[in-house]
């Protein structure tokens, strides 16, 4: 099994500036329907990009691979990892599980995920995303999938306290058209989409982008197809010694964004919080100390 923290897509982006015009056409072709576009024969890949076969061979070596077979092996590994179901994930981890307590294994995996994510997280991207979310002229929509819907709801619950014009979209795609109908150019759509990517998410992103909506994507190291439509994306490490992926680091980034947004206009946020606390008091929602 090949092991690397960077995907082929990461490598292509990192080398893009040093590619020839023909190699750039090839790179764009590979990224357009990534990773499927790179799974054909070298001849097919060349023809699809409108370049020669030697151009493909030269570029993959320029990217650091020994040859096209190694390049393609990395793509196959990524594809396998990105579509793994919980049973396959569990079996893979179980076969290599160290003889330590599950708490230790989980802690080590999560800390590794945190270090890797932070090493690759661009501070400028974070700041720009926070600025978009803090702009009260824009409406902000949140949506996630079957599992990540809980993360979308968590983000929304905090953001609706901090600012007005926030909407939580259901994970049920049948309700999305009504929300898209209300979106205006410049609004923000926050999408959570991790491996076993949900096909409807890419459709939603494409339609929203066409309407001029700015998309912020939370995804994993293999990258959701939504990325081609996103203005900003956060690629978070999610592997864990479990049948399920870990949301710890994704939640960390979400909570950091919440803090950045609320601190950017704290006086207004504080007034909203005070008003909300008054409403809680009237509703007798929380128990009071006697």
Protein backbone atom coordinates (compact mmCIF):
# COMPACT_ATOMS: atom_id res chain seq x y z
CA UNK A 1 0.00 0.00 0.00
CA UNK A 2 1.40 3.37 -1.01
CA UNK A 3 1.34 5.91 1.79
CA UNK A 4 1.51 9.67 1.45
CA UNK A 5 -0.33 12.54 3.11
CA UNK A 6 -0.61 14.41 -0.18
CA UNK A 7 -3.00 13.43 -2.93
CA UNK A 8 -2.09 13.42 -6.61
CA UNK A 9 -4.28 16.52 -6.93
CA UNK A 10 -2.16 18.27 -4.28
CA UNK A 11 1.01 17.34 -6.16
CA UNK A 12 -0.36 18.62 -9.48
CA UNK A 13 -1.39 21.94 -7.94
CA UNK A 14 2.01 22.31 -6.26
CA UNK A 15 3.86 21.81 -9.57
CA UNK A 16 1.40 23.62 -11.84
CA UNK A 17 3.47 26.79 -12.14
CA UNK A 18 6.44 24.87 -13.50
CA UNK A 19 4.56 22.95 -16.19
CA UNK A 20 4.77 23.59 -19.93
CA UNK A 21 1.60 24.74 -21.77
CA UNK A 22 0.95 21.17 -22.99
CA UNK A 23 1.51 19.79 -19.51
CA UNK A 24 -0.88 22.38 -18.09
CA UNK A 25 -3.57 21.23 -20.53
CA UNK A 26 -2.95 17.71 -19.33
CA UNK A 27 -3.08 18.77 -15.67
CA UNK A 28 -6.37 20.61 -16.21
CA UNK A 29 -7.80 17.56 -17.98
CA UNK A 30 -6.79 15.32 -15.08
CA UNK A 31 -8.27 17.67 -12.50
CA UNK A 32 -11.51 18.21 -14.40
CA UNK A 33 -12.96 14.80 -13.49
CA UNK A 34 -10.48 13.81 -10.80
CA UNK A 35 -9.46 11.08 -10.09
CA UNK A 36 -11.40 9.12 -12.73
CA UNK A 37 -9.81 11.07 -15.60
CA UNK A 38 -6.42 9.54 -14.76
CA UNK A 39 -7.51 5.91 -14.56
CA UNK A 40 -7.39 5.10 -18.27
CA UNK A 41 -4.41 3.97 -20.30
CA UNK A 42 -1.64 6.48 -20.92
CA UNK A 43 -2.80 6.73 -24.54
CA UNK A 44 -6.40 7.47 -23.52
CA UNK A 45 -5.33 10.08 -20.99
CA UNK A 46 -3.18 11.78 -23.63
CA UNK A 47 -5.98 11.77 -26.22
CA UNK A 48 -8.53 13.17 -23.76
CA UNK A 49 -6.18 16.05 -22.96
CA UNK A 50 -5.17 16.64 -26.59
CA UNK A 51 -1.48 16.04 -25.89
CA UNK A 52 1.06 13.40 -26.86
CA UNK A 53 1.80 10.23 -24.91
CA UNK A 54 5.40 11.38 -24.22
CA UNK A 55 3.94 14.55 -22.65
CA UNK A 56 2.05 12.38 -20.15
CA UNK A 57 5.17 10.37 -19.36
CA UNK A 58 7.28 13.51 -18.87
CA UNK A 59 4.75 15.24 -16.67
CA UNK A 60 4.22 12.35 -14.24
CA UNK A 61 7.99 12.16 -13.78
CA UNK A 62 8.13 15.91 -13.27
CA UNK A 63 5.53 15.44 -10.53
CA UNK A 64 7.89 13.05 -8.75
CA UNK A 65 6.55 9.65 -9.82
CA UNK A 66 8.85 7.00 -11.27
CA UNK A 67 6.48 6.47 -14.17
CA UNK A 68 2.85 6.28 -15.24
CA UNK A 69 2.18 2.97 -13.40
CA UNK A 70 3.20 4.50 -10.05
CA UNK A 71 1.20 7.65 -10.81
CA UNK A 72 -1.88 5.56 -11.57
CA UNK A 73 -1.33 3.35 -8.51
CA UNK A 74 -1.63 6.44 -6.32
CA UNK A 75 -4.87 7.38 -8.05
CA UNK A 76 -6.28 3.87 -7.51
CA UNK A 77 -5.31 4.04 -3.83
CA UNK A 78 -7.08 7.39 -3.44
CA UNK A 79 -10.19 6.14 -5.20
CA UNK A 80 -10.30 3.04 -3.02
CA UNK A 81 -9.93 5.12 0.13
CA UNK A 82 -12.53 7.69 -0.91
CA UNK A 83 -15.28 5.14 -1.54
CA UNK A 84 -14.53 2.80 1.37
CA UNK A 85 -17.65 1.80 3.27
CA UNK A 86 -17.61 1.45 7.08
CA UNK A 87 -17.11 -2.34 6.96
CA UNK A 88 -14.09 -2.09 4.67
CA UNK A 89 -12.65 0.69 6.84
CA UNK A 90 -13.05 -1.36 10.00
CA UNK A 91 -11.42 -4.44 8.47
CA UNK A 92 -8.47 -2.41 7.20
CA UNK A 93 -7.84 -0.84 10.61
CA UNK A 94 -8.44 -4.08 12.52
CA UNK A 95 -5.86 -5.97 10.48
CA UNK A 96 -3.18 -3.43 11.43
CA UNK A 97 -4.37 -2.42 14.90
CA UNK A 98 -1.56 -2.09 17.47
CA UNK A 99 -1.89 -3.87 20.78
CA UNK A 100 -2.87 -0.74 22.71
CA UNK A 101 -6.12 0.46 24.20
CA UNK A 102 -8.62 1.97 21.76
CA UNK A 103 -8.36 5.31 23.60
CA UNK A 104 -4.63 5.46 22.85
CA UNK A 105 -5.12 4.47 19.22
CA UNK A 106 -7.83 7.06 18.76
CA UNK A 107 -5.85 9.80 20.49
CA UNK A 108 -2.80 9.13 18.32
CA UNK A 109 -4.86 9.13 15.12
CA UNK A 110 -6.69 12.36 16.02
CA UNK A 111 -3.48 14.16 17.00
CA UNK A 112 -1.86 13.08 13.73
CA UNK A 113 -4.92 14.33 11.86
CA UNK A 114 -4.71 17.66 13.66
CA UNK A 115 -1.01 18.14 12.94
CA UNK A 116 -1.37 17.21 9.28
CA UNK A 117 -4.43 19.41 8.75
CA UNK A 118 -2.86 22.44 10.42
CA UNK A 119 0.35 22.03 8.43
CA UNK A 120 -1.65 22.30 5.21
CA UNK A 121 -4.37 24.77 6.25
CA UNK A 122 -3.83 28.14 4.59
CA UNK A 123 -4.32 31.00 7.07
CA UNK A 124 -5.32 33.40 4.28
CA UNK A 125 -8.07 31.01 3.17
CA UNK A 126 -9.30 30.76 6.76
CA UNK A 127 -9.37 34.56 7.14
CA UNK A 128 -11.19 35.07 3.84
CA UNK A 129 -13.79 32.45 4.76
CA UNK A 130 -14.32 34.09 8.15
CA UNK A 131 -14.72 37.47 6.45
CA UNK A 132 -17.39 36.10 4.12
CA UNK A 133 -19.28 34.50 7.02
CA UNK A 134 -19.12 37.73 9.02
CA UNK A 135 -20.54 39.90 6.22
CA UNK A 136 -24.10 40.56 7.37
CA UNK A 137 -25.14 41.77 3.92
CA UNK A 138 -24.91 38.15 2.78
CA UNK A 139 -27.27 35.34 3.71
CA UNK A 140 -25.48 32.17 4.82
CA UNK A 141 -26.80 28.65 4.16
CA UNK A 142 -25.50 25.44 5.74
CA UNK A 143 -25.90 21.90 4.42
CA UNK A 144 -24.38 18.50 5.11
CA UNK A 145 -24.99 14.89 4.23
CA UNK A 146 -26.24 11.85 6.10
CA UNK A 147 -23.48 12.09 8.72
CA UNK A 148 -22.07 15.58 8.19
CA UNK A 149 -25.53 17.12 8.50
CA UNK A 150 -24.89 17.16 12.26
CA UNK A 151 -21.79 19.33 11.68
CA UNK A 152 -23.77 21.69 9.46
CA UNK A 153 -26.43 22.01 12.17
CA UNK A 154 -23.81 22.67 14.86
CA UNK A 155 -22.22 25.42 12.75
CA UNK A 156 -25.62 26.94 11.98
CA UNK A 157 -26.76 26.88 15.64
CA UNK A 158 -23.83 29.07 16.66
CA UNK A 159 -23.87 31.32 13.63
CA UNK A 160 -27.55 32.19 14.01
CA UNK A 161 -26.71 33.65 17.42
CA UNK A 162 -23.82 35.67 16.02
CA UNK A 163 -25.54 37.08 12.94
CA UNK A 164 -28.91 37.28 11.16
CA UNK A 165 -29.81 35.77 7.77
CA UNK A 166 -28.68 32.20 8.43
CA UNK A 167 -30.47 29.09 7.15
CA UNK A 168 -29.98 25.39 7.84
CA UNK A 169 -30.83 23.25 4.82
CA UNK A 170 -32.10 19.71 5.27
CA UNK A 171 -29.92 16.78 4.21
CA UNK A 172 -32.90 15.76 2.05
CA UNK A 173 -32.09 17.00 -1.47
CA UNK A 174 -35.76 17.32 -2.39
CA UNK A 175 -36.00 20.47 -0.25
CA UNK A 176 -32.98 22.23 -1.79
CA UNK A 177 -34.64 23.89 -4.83
CA UNK A 178 -36.75 26.10 -2.56
CA UNK A 179 -33.62 27.32 -0.77
CA UNK A 180 -31.75 27.93 -4.02
CA UNK A 181 -34.74 29.99 -5.17
CA UNK A 182 -34.09 32.38 -2.26
CA UNK A 183 -30.32 32.62 -2.76
CA UNK A 184 -28.90 35.84 -4.20
CA UNK A 185 -25.58 36.55 -5.85
CA UNK A 186 -22.98 37.03 -3.13
CA UNK A 187 -24.71 34.82 -0.57
CA UNK A 188 -22.66 32.05 1.07
CA UNK A 189 -23.31 28.31 1.00
CA UNK A 190 -21.34 26.17 3.47
CA UNK A 191 -21.19 22.53 2.34
CA UNK A 192 -19.92 19.52 4.28
CA UNK A 193 -19.06 16.55 2.06
CA UNK A 194 -16.65 13.77 2.99
CA UNK A 195 -15.80 10.45 1.35
CA UNK A 196 -18.58 8.40 -0.18
CA UNK A 197 -19.41 11.82 -1.55
CA UNK A 198 -23.09 12.45 -2.11
CA UNK A 199 -23.78 13.07 -5.80
CA UNK A 200 -26.52 15.60 -5.09
CA UNK A 201 -24.03 17.88 -3.31
CA UNK A 202 -22.09 18.51 -6.51
CA UNK A 203 -25.32 19.30 -8.34
CA UNK A 204 -26.37 21.74 -5.60
CA UNK A 205 -22.95 23.41 -5.69
CA UNK A 206 -23.01 23.78 -9.47
CA UNK A 207 -26.50 25.35 -9.46
CA UNK A 208 -25.66 27.67 -6.55
CA UNK A 209 -22.42 28.81 -8.17
CA UNK A 210 -24.27 29.62 -11.38
CA UNK A 211 -26.53 31.87 -9.28
CA UNK A 212 -23.45 33.73 -8.00
CA UNK A 213 -23.35 32.08 -4.57
CA UNK A 214 -19.96 31.82 -2.83
CA UNK A 215 -19.28 28.25 -1.66
CA UNK A 216 -17.20 27.22 1.35
CA UNK A 217 -16.46 23.49 1.38
CA UNK A 218 -15.45 21.23 4.26
CA UNK A 219 -14.10 17.98 2.87
CA UNK A 220 -11.41 15.36 3.43
CA UNK A 221 -7.90 14.71 2.13
CA UNK A 222 -9.27 13.02 -1.00
CA UNK A 223 -11.47 16.01 -1.83
CA UNK A 224 -15.17 16.08 -2.72
CA UNK A 225 -16.15 16.80 -6.35
CA UNK A 226 -17.75 19.97 -4.94
CA UNK A 227 -14.23 21.48 -4.80
CA UNK A 228 -14.40 22.58 -8.45
CA UNK A 229 -17.27 24.90 -7.51
CA UNK A 230 -15.92 26.14 -4.15
CA UNK A 231 -14.37 29.54 -3.53
CA UNK A 232 -12.72 28.29 -0.35
CA UNK A 233 -12.20 24.70 0.77
CA UNK A 234 -10.92 23.10 3.96
CA UNK A 235 -9.34 19.70 3.40
CA UNK A 236 -9.36 17.96 6.76
CA UNK A 237 -7.72 14.67 7.74
CA UNK A 238 -10.47 12.27 8.88
CA UNK A 239 -8.87 8.80 9.20
CA UNK A 240 -9.44 6.99 12.51
CA UNK A 241 -9.07 3.41 13.82
CA UNK A 242 -12.77 2.83 13.38
CA UNK A 243 -15.40 1.85 10.85
CA UNK A 244 -16.33 5.55 10.86
CA UNK A 245 -14.39 8.65 9.91
CA UNK A 246 -13.41 11.14 12.58
CA UNK A 247 -15.07 14.57 12.73
CA UNK A 248 -12.82 15.92 15.49
CA UNK A 249 -10.56 18.06 13.32
CA UNK A 250 -13.44 19.24 11.13
CA UNK A 251 -15.21 20.42 14.29
CA UNK A 252 -11.99 22.12 15.41
CA UNK A 253 -11.88 24.19 12.21
CA UNK A 254 -15.60 24.98 12.51
CA UNK A 255 -15.21 26.19 16.10
CA UNK A 256 -12.18 28.30 15.15
CA UNK A 257 -14.26 29.95 12.42
CA UNK A 258 -17.09 30.58 14.89
CA UNK A 259 -14.66 32.38 17.18
CA UNK A 260 -13.16 34.39 14.32
CA UNK A 261 -16.58 35.54 13.13
CA UNK A 262 -17.96 36.44 16.56
CA UNK A 263 -14.79 38.33 17.49
CA UNK A 264 -14.83 40.36 14.27
CA UNK A 265 -17.91 42.26 15.49
CA UNK A 266 -18.05 41.42 19.17
CA UNK A 267 -20.12 44.43 20.25
CA UNK A 268 -22.96 43.43 17.90
CA UNK A 269 -22.60 39.76 18.80
CA UNK A 270 -22.75 40.58 22.51
CA UNK A 271 -25.98 42.55 22.04
CA UNK A 272 -27.55 39.67 20.14
CA UNK A 273 -26.48 37.28 22.91
CA UNK A 274 -27.96 39.53 25.59
CA UNK A 275 -31.25 39.72 23.71
CA UNK A 276 -31.26 35.94 23.25
CA UNK A 277 -30.57 35.37 26.95
CA UNK A 278 -33.57 37.58 27.71
CA UNK A 279 -35.71 35.42 25.47
CA UNK A 280 -34.44 32.30 27.20
CA UNK A 281 -35.38 33.90 30.52
CA UNK A 282 -38.92 34.63 29.34
CA UNK A 283 -39.31 31.10 28.03
CA UNK A 284 -37.85 29.64 31.25
CA UNK A 285 -35.77 27.39 29.06
CA UNK A 286 -32.94 26.78 31.49
CA UNK A 287 -32.94 25.93 35.18
CA UNK A 288 -31.79 28.71 37.51
CA UNK A 289 -29.67 28.35 40.61
CA UNK A 290 -31.68 28.79 43.78
